[in-house]
Amino acid sequence: MQSTIQPVKPVATVNAGGVWESINGGLSDALNLWGKVEQIKGQKSASGADQTQAMYQPPMANGAAVQIDQQLNQQANKNQGVQINKPLLFASAGVLVIALLMHKAGW
């Protein structure tokens, strides 16, 4: 009598999705996340928590831009331009001139 081996588990298959399916999945996840954010905002609005928060943390007029401008201003004050080591600059220029003269002379 001959016996055949039966697989215990079903054969695993690979879903070979493409680039578009990957992009579609990422967009779907992003939309689901945004939906959760909007749901939380709705709950805060319905309970009056957003009004309480607005009393204690008043919104700034374009606050993000003000903060970024301050950071850029502070960085601009720290950096007073490029600092060049002058003896090194003159030495490099001298080596370059000598190399050009040697090249023209055919050395």
PDB file of N, CA and C in Angstrom:
ATOM      1  N   MET A   1       0.839  -1.162   0.000  1.00  0.00           N
ATOM      2  CA  MET A   1       0.000   0.000   0.000  1.00  0.00           C
ATOM      3  C   MET A   1       0.895   1.240   0.000  1.00  0.00           C
ATOM      4  N   GLN A   2       0.536   2.179  -0.847  1.00  0.00           N
ATOM      5  CA  GLN A   2       1.305   3.396  -0.981  1.00  0.00           C
ATOM      6  C   GLN A   2       0.612   4.507  -0.209  1.00  0.00           C
ATOM      7  N   SER A   3       1.409   5.270   0.524  1.00  0.00           N
ATOM      8  CA  SER A   3       0.813   6.383   1.257  1.00  0.00           C
ATOM      9  C   SER A   3       1.328   7.691   0.657  1.00  0.00           C
ATOM     10  N   THR A   4       0.455   8.654   0.659  1.00  0.00           N
ATOM     11  CA  THR A   4       0.857   9.977   0.151  1.00  0.00           C
ATOM     12  C   THR A   4       0.944  10.933   1.330  1.00  0.00           C
ATOM     13  N   ILE A   5       1.841  11.876   1.209  1.00  0.00           N
ATOM     14  CA  ILE A   5       2.029  12.854   2.271  1.00  0.00           C
ATOM     15  C   ILE A   5       1.097  14.020   1.998  1.00  0.00           C
ATOM     16  N   GLN A   6       0.294  14.344   2.965  1.00  0.00           N
ATOM     17  CA  GLN A   6      -0.625  15.464   2.867  1.00  0.00           C
ATOM     18  C   GLN A   6      -0.048  16.651   3.642  1.00  0.00           C
ATOM     19  N   PRO A   7      -0.059  17.853   3.053  1.00  0.00           N
ATOM     20  CA  PRO A   7       0.440  19.002   3.807  1.00  0.00           C
ATOM     21  C   PRO A   7      -0.490  19.328   4.969  1.00  0.00           C
ATOM     22  N   VAL A   8       0.130  19.682   6.092  1.00  0.00           N
ATOM     23  CA  VAL A   8      -0.630  20.006   7.284  1.00  0.00           C
ATOM     24  C   VAL A   8      -1.204  21.418   7.188  1.00  0.00           C
ATOM     25  N   LYS A   9      -0.399  22.328   6.679  1.00  0.00           N
ATOM     26  CA  LYS A   9      -0.820  23.724   6.569  1.00  0.00           C
ATOM     27  C   LYS A   9      -0.989  24.069   5.095  1.00  0.00           C
ATOM     28  N   PRO A  10      -1.824  25.041   4.800  1.00  0.00           N
ATOM     29  CA  PRO A  10      -1.930  25.447   3.400  1.00  0.00           C
ATOM     30  C   PRO A  10      -0.634  26.110   2.937  1.00  0.00           C
ATOM     31  N   VAL A  11      -0.412  26.032   1.671  1.00  0.00           N
ATOM     32  CA  VAL A  11       0.808  26.583   1.095  1.00  0.00           C
ATOM     33  C   VAL A  11       0.767  28.107   1.216  1.00  0.00           C
ATOM     34  N   ALA A  12       1.871  28.684   1.657  1.00  0.00           N
ATOM     35  CA  ALA A  12       1.944  30.135   1.818  1.00  0.00           C
ATOM     36  C   ALA A  12       2.046  30.791   0.450  1.00  0.00           C
ATOM     37  N   THR A  13       1.292  31.827   0.272  1.00  0.00           N
ATOM     38  CA  THR A  13       1.352  32.569  -0.983  1.00  0.00           C
ATOM     39  C   THR A  13       1.868  33.969  -0.693  1.00  0.00           C
ATOM     40  N   VAL A  14       2.512  34.534  -1.659  1.00  0.00           N
ATOM     41  CA  VAL A  14       3.046  35.876  -1.525  1.00  0.00           C
ATOM     42  C   VAL A  14       2.216  36.795  -2.409  1.00  0.00           C
ATOM     43  N   ASN A  15       1.693  37.830  -1.805  1.00  0.00           N
ATOM     44  CA  ASN A  15       0.958  38.811  -2.575  1.00  0.00           C
ATOM     45  C   ASN A  15       1.969  39.780  -3.157  1.00  0.00           C
ATOM     46  N   ALA A  16       2.230  39.622  -4.425  1.00  0.00           N
ATOM     47  CA  ALA A  16       3.249  40.446  -5.069  1.00  0.00           C
ATOM     48  C   ALA A  16       2.609  41.738  -5.548  1.00  0.00           C
ATOM     49  N   GLY A  17       2.329  42.619  -4.611  1.00  0.00           N
ATOM     50  CA  GLY A  17       1.760  43.910  -4.968  1.00  0.00           C
ATOM     51  C   GLY A  17       2.796  44.758  -5.663  1.00  0.00           C
ATOM     52  N   GLY A  18       2.324  45.751  -6.324  1.00  0.00           N
ATOM     53  CA  GLY A  18       3.228  46.628  -7.046  1.00  0.00           C
ATOM     54  C   GLY A  18       3.473  47.912  -6.287  1.00  0.00           C
ATOM     55  N   VAL A  19       4.104  48.815  -6.970  1.00  0.00           N
ATOM     56  CA  VAL A  19       4.407  50.112  -6.385  1.00  0.00           C
ATOM     57  C   VAL A  19       3.122  50.859  -6.079  1.00  0.00           C
ATOM     58  N   TRP A  20       2.158  50.755  -6.997  1.00  0.00           N
ATOM     59  CA  TRP A  20       0.899  51.488  -6.801  1.00  0.00           C
ATOM     60  C   TRP A  20       0.140  50.976  -5.592  1.00  0.00           C
ATOM     61  N   GLU A  21       0.195  49.665  -5.359  1.00  0.00           N
ATOM     62  CA  GLU A  21      -0.490  49.119  -4.182  1.00  0.00           C
ATOM     63  C   GLU A  21       0.198  49.600  -2.909  1.00  0.00           C
ATOM     64  N   SER A  22       1.512  49.723  -2.948  1.00  0.00           N
ATOM     65  CA  SER A  22       2.251  50.225  -1.795  1.00  0.00           C
ATOM     66  C   SER A  22       1.900  51.683  -1.527  1.00  0.00           C
ATOM     67  N   ILE A  23       1.864  52.492  -2.584  1.00  0.00           N
ATOM     68  CA  ILE A  23       1.502  53.902  -2.429  1.00  0.00           C
ATOM     69  C   ILE A  23       0.071  54.024  -1.934  1.00  0.00           C
ATOM     70  N   ASN A  24      -0.817  53.210  -2.500  1.00  0.00           N
ATOM     71  CA  ASN A  24      -2.222  53.234  -2.089  1.00  0.00           C
ATOM     72  C   ASN A  24      -2.359  52.848  -0.619  1.00  0.00           C
ATOM     73  N   GLY A  25      -1.600  51.874  -0.168  1.00  0.00           N
ATOM     74  CA  GLY A  25      -1.642  51.485   1.238  1.00  0.00           C
ATOM     75  C   GLY A  25      -1.144  52.600   2.141  1.00  0.00           C
ATOM     76  N   GLY A  26      -0.061  53.280   1.719  1.00  0.00           N
ATOM     77  CA  GLY A  26       0.462  54.392   2.512  1.00  0.00           C
ATOM     78  C   GLY A  26      -0.523  55.544   2.595  1.00  0.00           C
ATOM     79  N   LEU A  27      -1.157  55.863   1.473  1.00  0.00           N
ATOM     80  CA  LEU A  27      -2.154  56.939   1.482  1.00  0.00           C
ATOM     81  C   LEU A  27      -3.357  56.564   2.340  1.00  0.00           C
ATOM     82  N   SER A  28      -3.748  55.318   2.265  1.00  0.00           N
ATOM     83  CA  SER A  28      -4.876  54.855   3.072  1.00  0.00           C
ATOM     84  C   SER A  28      -4.551  54.961   4.563  1.00  0.00           C
ATOM     85  N   ASP A  29      -3.344  54.577   4.936  1.00  0.00           N
ATOM     86  CA  ASP A  29      -2.934  54.690   6.339  1.00  0.00           C
ATOM     87  C   ASP A  29      -2.908  56.148   6.786  1.00  0.00           C
ATOM     88  N   ALA A  30      -2.416  57.036   5.904  1.00  0.00           N
ATOM     89  CA  ALA A  30      -2.361  58.457   6.249  1.00  0.00           C
ATOM     90  C   ALA A  30      -3.766  59.026   6.427  1.00  0.00           C
ATOM     91  N   LEU A  31      -4.680  58.637   5.553  1.00  0.00           N
ATOM     92  CA  LEU A  31      -6.058  59.119   5.684  1.00  0.00           C
ATOM     93  C   LEU A  31      -6.720  58.585   6.946  1.00  0.00           C
ATOM     94  N   ASN A  32      -6.442  57.336   7.286  1.00  0.00           N
ATOM     95  CA  ASN A  32      -6.989  56.777   8.518  1.00  0.00           C
ATOM     96  C   ASN A  32      -6.453  57.527   9.742  1.00  0.00           C
ATOM     97  N   LEU A  33      -5.169  57.853   9.719  1.00  0.00           N
ATOM     98  CA  LEU A  33      -4.572  58.604  10.822  1.00  0.00           C
ATOM     99  C   LEU A  33      -5.183  59.994  10.910  1.00  0.00           C
ATOM    100  N   TRP A  34      -5.372  60.664   9.783  1.00  0.00           N
ATOM    101  CA  TRP A  34      -5.977  61.997   9.777  1.00  0.00           C
ATOM    102  C   TRP A  34      -7.420  61.928  10.287  1.00  0.00           C
ATOM    103  N   GLY A  35      -8.118  60.854   9.930  1.00  0.00           N
ATOM    104  CA  GLY A  35      -9.482  60.670  10.427  1.00  0.00           C
ATOM    105  C   GLY A  35      -9.511  60.558  11.943  1.00  0.00           C
ATOM    106  N   LYS A  36      -8.525  59.878  12.518  1.00  0.00           N
ATOM    107  CA  LYS A  36      -8.453  59.764  13.979  1.00  0.00           C
ATOM    108  C   LYS A  36      -8.180  61.128  14.617  1.00  0.00           C
ATOM    109  N   VAL A  37      -7.306  61.923  13.987  1.00  0.00           N
ATOM    110  CA  VAL A  37      -7.016  63.261  14.506  1.00  0.00           C
ATOM    111  C   VAL A  37      -8.281  64.110  14.483  1.00  0.00           C
ATOM    112  N   GLU A  38      -9.006  64.058  13.381  1.00  0.00           N
ATOM    113  CA  GLU A  38     -10.240  64.838  13.277  1.00  0.00           C
ATOM    114  C   GLU A  38     -11.292  64.350  14.266  1.00  0.00           C
ATOM    115  N   GLN A  39     -11.297  63.054  14.528  1.00  0.00           N
ATOM    116  CA  GLN A  39     -12.245  62.502  15.509  1.00  0.00           C
ATOM    117  C   GLN A  39     -11.928  63.049  16.905  1.00  0.00           C
ATOM    118  N   ILE A  40     -10.660  63.111  17.246  1.00  0.00           N
ATOM    119  CA  ILE A  40     -10.267  63.652  18.552  1.00  0.00           C
ATOM    120  C   ILE A  40     -10.614  65.132  18.633  1.00  0.00           C
ATOM    121  N   LYS A  41     -10.384  65.873  17.547  1.00  0.00           N
ATOM    122  CA  LYS A  41     -10.753  67.289  17.532  1.00  0.00           C
ATOM    123  C   LYS A  41     -12.263  67.455  17.722  1.00  0.00           C
ATOM    124  N   GLY A  42     -13.032  66.600  17.086  1.00  0.00           N
ATOM    125  CA  GLY A  42     -14.491  66.659  17.236  1.00  0.00           C
ATOM    126  C   GLY A  42     -14.927  66.380  18.663  1.00  0.00           C
ATOM    127  N   GLN A  43     -14.293  65.410  19.303  1.00  0.00           N
ATOM    128  CA  GLN A  43     -14.630  65.096  20.687  1.00  0.00           C
ATOM    129  C   GLN A  43     -14.272  66.263  21.599  1.00  0.00           C
ATOM    130  N   LYS A  44     -13.113  66.891  21.360  1.00  0.00           N
ATOM    131  CA  LYS A  44     -12.731  68.050  22.171  1.00  0.00           C
ATOM    132  C   LYS A  44     -13.718  69.196  21.974  1.00  0.00           C
ATOM    133  N   SER A  45     -14.144  69.387  20.745  1.00  0.00           N
ATOM    134  CA  SER A  45     -15.079  70.464  20.448  1.00  0.00           C
ATOM    135  C   SER A  45     -16.435  70.204  21.098  1.00  0.00           C
ATOM    136  N   ALA A  46     -16.879  68.959  21.043  1.00  0.00           N
ATOM    137  CA  ALA A  46     -18.183  68.616  21.601  1.00  0.00           C
ATOM    138  C   ALA A  46     -18.195  68.744  23.128  1.00  0.00           C
ATOM    139  N   SER A  47     -17.077  68.458  23.764  1.00  0.00           N
ATOM    140  CA  SER A  47     -17.029  68.515  25.226  1.00  0.00           C
ATOM    141  C   SER A  47     -16.663  69.904  25.742  1.00  0.00           C
ATOM    142  N   GLY A  48     -16.267  70.812  24.857  1.00  0.00           N
ATOM    143  CA  GLY A  48     -15.892  72.148  25.277  1.00  0.00           C
ATOM    144  C   GLY A  48     -14.445  72.254  25.697  1.00  0.00           C
ATOM    145  N   ALA A  49     -13.675  71.190  25.523  1.00  0.00           N
ATOM    146  CA  ALA A  49     -12.268  71.201  25.930  1.00  0.00           C
ATOM    147  C   ALA A  49     -11.458  72.148  25.059  1.00  0.00           C
ATOM    148  N   ASP A  50     -11.852  72.311  23.787  1.00  0.00           N
ATOM    149  CA  ASP A  50     -11.102  73.214  22.927  1.00  0.00           C
ATOM    150  C   ASP A  50     -11.274  74.670  23.359  1.00  0.00           C
ATOM    151  N   GLN A  51     -12.437  75.005  23.884  1.00  0.00           N
ATOM    152  CA  GLN A  51     -12.651  76.375  24.365  1.00  0.00           C
ATOM    153  C   GLN A  51     -11.834  76.627  25.633  1.00  0.00           C
ATOM    154  N   THR A  52     -11.765  75.618  26.500  1.00  0.00           N
ATOM    155  CA  THR A  52     -10.962  75.744  27.717  1.00  0.00           C
ATOM    156  C   THR A  52      -9.493  75.901  27.361  1.00  0.00           C
ATOM    157  N   GLN A  53      -9.033  75.126  26.395  1.00  0.00           N
ATOM    158  CA  GLN A  53      -7.640  75.219  25.968  1.00  0.00           C
ATOM    159  C   GLN A  53      -7.367  76.591  25.358  1.00  0.00           C
ATOM    160  N   ALA A  54      -8.303  77.129  24.619  1.00  0.00           N
ATOM    161  CA  ALA A  54      -8.114  78.440  23.994  1.00  0.00           C
ATOM    162  C   ALA A  54      -8.024  79.548  25.044  1.00  0.00           C
ATOM    163  N   MET A  55      -8.682  79.372  26.178  1.00  0.00           N
ATOM    164  CA  MET A  55      -8.596  80.388  27.233  1.00  0.00           C
ATOM    165  C   MET A  55      -7.202  80.421  27.854  1.00  0.00           C
ATOM    166  N   TYR A  56      -6.613  79.226  28.041  1.00  0.00           N
ATOM    167  CA  TYR A  56      -5.322  79.160  28.710  1.00  0.00           C
ATOM    168  C   TYR A  56      -4.142  79.251  27.748  1.00  0.00           C
ATOM    169  N   GLN A  57      -4.346  78.895  26.497  1.00  0.00           N
ATOM    170  CA  GLN A  57      -3.297  78.982  25.493  1.00  0.00           C
ATOM    171  C   GLN A  57      -3.852  79.731  24.286  1.00  0.00           C
ATOM    172  N   PRO A  58      -3.871  81.047  24.321  1.00  0.00           N
ATOM    173  CA  PRO A  58      -4.401  81.775  23.176  1.00  0.00           C
ATOM    174  C   PRO A  58      -3.499  81.595  21.961  1.00  0.00           C
ATOM    175  N   PRO A  59      -4.078  81.447  20.791  1.00  0.00           N
ATOM    176  CA  PRO A  59      -3.255  81.245  19.601  1.00  0.00           C
ATOM    177  C   PRO A  59      -2.512  82.525  19.230  1.00  0.00           C
ATOM    178  N   MET A  60      -1.302  82.368  18.769  1.00  0.00           N
ATOM    179  CA  MET A  60      -0.508  83.515  18.341  1.00  0.00           C
ATOM    180  C   MET A  60      -0.813  83.808  16.872  1.00  0.00           C
ATOM    181  N   ALA A  61      -0.685  85.041  16.502  1.00  0.00           N
ATOM    182  CA  ALA A  61      -0.853  85.388  15.097  1.00  0.00           C
ATOM    183  C   ALA A  61       0.343  84.853  14.327  1.00  0.00           C
ATOM    184  N   ASN A  62       0.118  83.797  13.574  1.00  0.00           N
ATOM    185  CA  ASN A  62       1.168  83.137  12.798  1.00  0.00           C
ATOM    186  C   ASN A  62       2.372  82.825  13.686  1.00  0.00           C
ATOM    187  N   GLY A  63       2.119  82.133  14.785  1.00  0.00           N
ATOM    188  CA  GLY A  63       3.152  81.857  15.780  1.00  0.00           C
ATOM    189  C   GLY A  63       4.299  81.029  15.262  1.00  0.00           C
ATOM    190  N   ALA A  64       4.028  80.110  14.336  1.00  0.00           N
ATOM    191  CA  ALA A  64       5.111  79.271  13.827  1.00  0.00           C
ATOM    192  C   ALA A  64       6.136  80.114  13.090  1.00  0.00           C
ATOM    193  N   ALA A  65       5.661  81.060  12.284  1.00  0.00           N
ATOM    194  CA  ALA A  65       6.596  81.900  11.532  1.00  0.00           C
ATOM    195  C   ALA A  65       7.408  82.783  12.469  1.00  0.00           C
ATOM    196  N   VAL A  66       6.792  83.263  13.535  1.00  0.00           N
ATOM    197  CA  VAL A  66       7.511  84.117  14.483  1.00  0.00           C
ATOM    198  C   VAL A  66       8.627  83.318  15.144  1.00  0.00           C
ATOM    199  N   GLN A  67       8.341  82.084  15.540  1.00  0.00           N
ATOM    200  CA  GLN A  67       9.363  81.275  16.189  1.00  0.00           C
ATOM    201  C   GLN A  67      10.490  80.936  15.227  1.00  0.00           C
ATOM    202  N   ILE A  68      10.175  80.610  13.982  1.00  0.00           N
ATOM    203  CA  ILE A  68      11.216  80.282  13.003  1.00  0.00           C
ATOM    204  C   ILE A  68      12.069  81.506  12.722  1.00  0.00           C
ATOM    205  N   ASP A  69      11.417  82.674  12.579  1.00  0.00           N
ATOM    206  CA  ASP A  69      12.177  83.901  12.334  1.00  0.00           C
ATOM    207  C   ASP A  69      13.134  84.196  13.476  1.00  0.00           C
ATOM    208  N   GLN A  70      12.706  83.954  14.716  1.00  0.00           N
ATOM    209  CA  GLN A  70      13.594  84.186  15.857  1.00  0.00           C
ATOM    210  C   GLN A  70      14.799  83.264  15.803  1.00  0.00           C
ATOM    211  N   GLN A  71      14.558  81.992  15.452  1.00  0.00           N
ATOM    212  CA  GLN A  71      15.671  81.047  15.381  1.00  0.00           C
ATOM    213  C   GLN A  71      16.653  81.454  14.294  1.00  0.00           C
ATOM    214  N   LEU A  72      16.144  81.859  13.139  1.00  0.00           N
ATOM    215  CA  LEU A  72      17.031  82.273  12.059  1.00  0.00           C
ATOM    216  C   LEU A  72      17.799  83.524  12.444  1.00  0.00           C
ATOM    217  N   ASN A  73      17.141  84.428  13.136  1.00  0.00           N
ATOM    218  CA  ASN A  73      17.784  85.658  13.567  1.00  0.00           C
ATOM    219  C   ASN A  73      18.922  85.356  14.542  1.00  0.00           C
ATOM    220  N   GLN A  74      18.689  84.434  15.462  1.00  0.00           N
ATOM    221  CA  GLN A  74      19.718  84.072  16.434  1.00  0.00           C
ATOM    222  C   GLN A  74      20.905  83.415  15.736  1.00  0.00           C
ATOM    223  N   GLN A  75      20.617  82.564  14.749  1.00  0.00           N
ATOM    224  CA  GLN A  75      21.710  81.915  14.030  1.00  0.00           C
ATOM    225  C   GLN A  75      22.492  82.931  13.211  1.00  0.00           C
ATOM    226  N   ALA A  76      21.813  83.897  12.627  1.00  0.00           N
ATOM    227  CA  ALA A  76      22.497  84.908  11.829  1.00  0.00           C
ATOM    228  C   ALA A  76      23.410  85.753  12.711  1.00  0.00           C
ATOM    229  N   ASN A  77      23.009  85.997  13.936  1.00  0.00           N
ATOM    230  CA  ASN A  77      23.853  86.774  14.840  1.00  0.00           C
ATOM    231  C   ASN A  77      25.085  85.987  15.271  1.00  0.00           C
ATOM    232  N   LYS A  78      24.957  84.667  15.360  1.00  0.00           N
ATOM    233  CA  LYS A  78      26.087  83.840  15.763  1.00  0.00           C
ATOM    234  C   LYS A  78      27.118  83.744  14.643  1.00  0.00           C
ATOM    235  N   ASN A  79      26.642  83.580  13.410  1.00  0.00           N
ATOM    236  CA  ASN A  79      27.548  83.415  12.275  1.00  0.00           C
ATOM    237  C   ASN A  79      27.844  84.783  11.667  1.00  0.00           C
ATOM    238  N   GLN A  80      29.066  85.215  11.784  1.00  0.00           N
ATOM    239  CA  GLN A  80      29.468  86.502  11.227  1.00  0.00           C
ATOM    240  C   GLN A  80      30.228  86.307   9.923  1.00  0.00           C
ATOM    241  N   GLY A  81      29.888  85.306   9.162  1.00  0.00           N
ATOM    242  CA  GLY A  81      30.544  85.048   7.888  1.00  0.00           C
ATOM    243  C   GLY A  81      31.547  83.918   8.003  1.00  0.00           C
ATOM    244  N   VAL A  82      32.191  83.643   6.893  1.00  0.00           N
ATOM    245  CA  VAL A  82      33.157  82.555   6.828  1.00  0.00           C
ATOM    246  C   VAL A  82      34.512  83.063   7.324  1.00  0.00           C
ATOM    247  N   GLN A  83      35.092  82.356   8.241  1.00  0.00           N
ATOM    248  CA  GLN A  83      36.404  82.703   8.775  1.00  0.00           C
ATOM    249  C   GLN A  83      37.469  81.968   7.957  1.00  0.00           C
ATOM    250  N   ILE A  84      38.407  82.709   7.361  1.00  0.00           N
ATOM    251  CA  ILE A  84      39.440  82.109   6.526  1.00  0.00           C
ATOM    252  C   ILE A  84      40.792  82.333   7.187  1.00  0.00           C
ATOM    253  N   ASN A  85      41.560  81.295   7.248  1.00  0.00           N
ATOM    254  CA  ASN A  85      42.912  81.368   7.764  1.00  0.00           C
ATOM    255  C   ASN A  85      43.782  81.979   6.666  1.00  0.00           C
ATOM    256  N   LYS A  86      44.172  83.250   6.816  1.00  0.00           N
ATOM    257  CA  LYS A  86      44.855  83.971   5.744  1.00  0.00           C
ATOM    258  C   LYS A  86      46.220  83.399   5.383  1.00  0.00           C
ATOM    259  N   PRO A  87      47.057  83.015   6.353  1.00  0.00           N
ATOM    260  CA  PRO A  87      48.340  82.415   5.934  1.00  0.00           C
ATOM    261  C   PRO A  87      48.142  81.142   5.101  1.00  0.00           C
ATOM    262  N   LEU A  88      47.148  80.335   5.451  1.00  0.00           N
ATOM    263  CA  LEU A  88      46.879  79.126   4.684  1.00  0.00           C
ATOM    264  C   LEU A  88      46.373  79.481   3.290  1.00  0.00           C
ATOM    265  N   LEU A  89      45.556  80.521   3.182  1.00  0.00           N
ATOM    266  CA  LEU A  89      45.045  80.964   1.886  1.00  0.00           C
ATOM    267  C   LEU A  89      46.194  81.429   0.992  1.00  0.00           C
ATOM    268  N   PHE A  90      47.125  82.241   1.529  1.00  0.00           N
ATOM    269  CA  PHE A  90      48.241  82.737   0.739  1.00  0.00           C
ATOM    270  C   PHE A  90      49.174  81.596   0.328  1.00  0.00           C
ATOM    271  N   ALA A  91      49.396  80.654   1.238  1.00  0.00           N
ATOM    272  CA  ALA A  91      50.256  79.516   0.914  1.00  0.00           C
ATOM    273  C   ALA A  91      49.635  78.673  -0.198  1.00  0.00           C
ATOM    274  N   SER A  92      48.329  78.447  -0.142  1.00  0.00           N
ATOM    275  CA  SER A  92      47.643  77.663  -1.172  1.00  0.00           C
ATOM    276  C   SER A  92      47.693  78.387  -2.512  1.00  0.00           C
ATOM    277  N   ALA A  93      47.488  79.694  -2.496  1.00  0.00           N
ATOM    278  CA  ALA A  93      47.555  80.470  -3.733  1.00  0.00           C
ATOM    279  C   ALA A  93      48.973  80.418  -4.313  1.00  0.00           C
ATOM    280  N   GLY A  94      49.982  80.493  -3.458  1.00  0.00           N
ATOM    281  CA  GLY A  94      51.364  80.408  -3.923  1.00  0.00           C
ATOM    282  C   GLY A  94      51.664  79.070  -4.566  1.00  0.00           C
ATOM    283  N   VAL A  95      51.214  77.984  -3.955  1.00  0.00           N
ATOM    284  CA  VAL A  95      51.435  76.647  -4.515  1.00  0.00           C
ATOM    285  C   VAL A  95      50.729  76.530  -5.858  1.00  0.00           C
ATOM    286  N   LEU A  96      49.556  77.097  -5.980  1.00  0.00           N
ATOM    287  CA  LEU A  96      48.815  77.057  -7.233  1.00  0.00           C
ATOM    288  C   LEU A  96      49.549  77.829  -8.330  1.00  0.00           C
ATOM    289  N   VAL A  97      50.072  79.001  -8.003  1.00  0.00           N
ATOM    290  CA  VAL A  97      50.817  79.798  -8.978  1.00  0.00           C
ATOM    291  C   VAL A  97      52.070  79.049  -9.427  1.00  0.00           C
ATOM    292  N   ILE A  98      52.786  78.445  -8.501  1.00  0.00           N
ATOM    293  CA  ILE A  98      53.992  77.680  -8.849  1.00  0.00           C
ATOM    294  C   ILE A  98      53.634  76.499  -9.744  1.00  0.00           C
ATOM    295  N   ALA A  99      52.528  75.813  -9.439  1.00  0.00           N
ATOM    296  CA  ALA A  99      52.099  74.678 -10.261  1.00  0.00           C
ATOM    297  C   ALA A  99      51.738  75.139 -11.668  1.00  0.00           C
ATOM    298  N   LEU A 100      51.075  76.278 -11.800  1.00  0.00           N
ATOM    299  CA  LEU A 100      50.741  76.784 -13.128  1.00  0.00           C
ATOM    300  C   LEU A 100      51.987  77.183 -13.908  1.00  0.00           C
ATOM    301  N   LEU A 101      52.944  77.820 -13.247  1.00  0.00           N
ATOM    302  CA  LEU A 101      54.192  78.198 -13.917  1.00  0.00           C
ATOM    303  C   LEU A 101      54.963  76.970 -14.377  1.00  0.00           C
ATOM    304  N   MET A 102      54.998  75.926 -13.547  1.00  0.00           N
ATOM    305  CA  MET A 102      55.679  74.692 -13.929  1.00  0.00           C
ATOM    306  C   MET A 102      54.991  74.019 -15.101  1.00  0.00           C
ATOM    307  N   HIS A 103      53.683  74.094 -15.118  1.00  0.00           N
ATOM    308  CA  HIS A 103      52.926  73.487 -16.220  1.00  0.00           C
ATOM    309  C   HIS A 103      53.199  74.220 -17.528  1.00  0.00           C
ATOM    310  N   LYS A 104      53.229  75.552 -17.478  1.00  0.00           N
ATOM    311  CA  LYS A 104      53.497  76.353 -18.685  1.00  0.00           C
ATOM    312  C   LYS A 104      54.941  76.137 -19.173  1.00  0.00           C
ATOM    313  N   ALA A 105      55.854  75.939 -18.225  1.00  0.00           N
ATOM    314  CA  ALA A 105      57.249  75.764 -18.602  1.00  0.00           C
ATOM    315  C   ALA A 105      57.512  74.358 -19.135  1.00  0.00           C
ATOM    316  N   GLY A 106      56.562  73.451 -18.915  1.00  0.00           N
ATOM    317  CA  GLY A 106      56.733  72.093 -19.420  1.00  0.00           C
ATOM    318  C   GLY A 106      57.474  71.162 -18.479  1.00  0.00           C
ATOM    319  N   TRP A 107      57.534  71.469 -17.255  1.00  0.00           N
ATOM    320  CA  TRP A 107      58.208  70.616 -16.284  1.00  0.00           C
ATOM    321  C   TRP A 107      57.327  69.530 -15.912  1.00  0.00           C
TER     322      TRP A 107
END
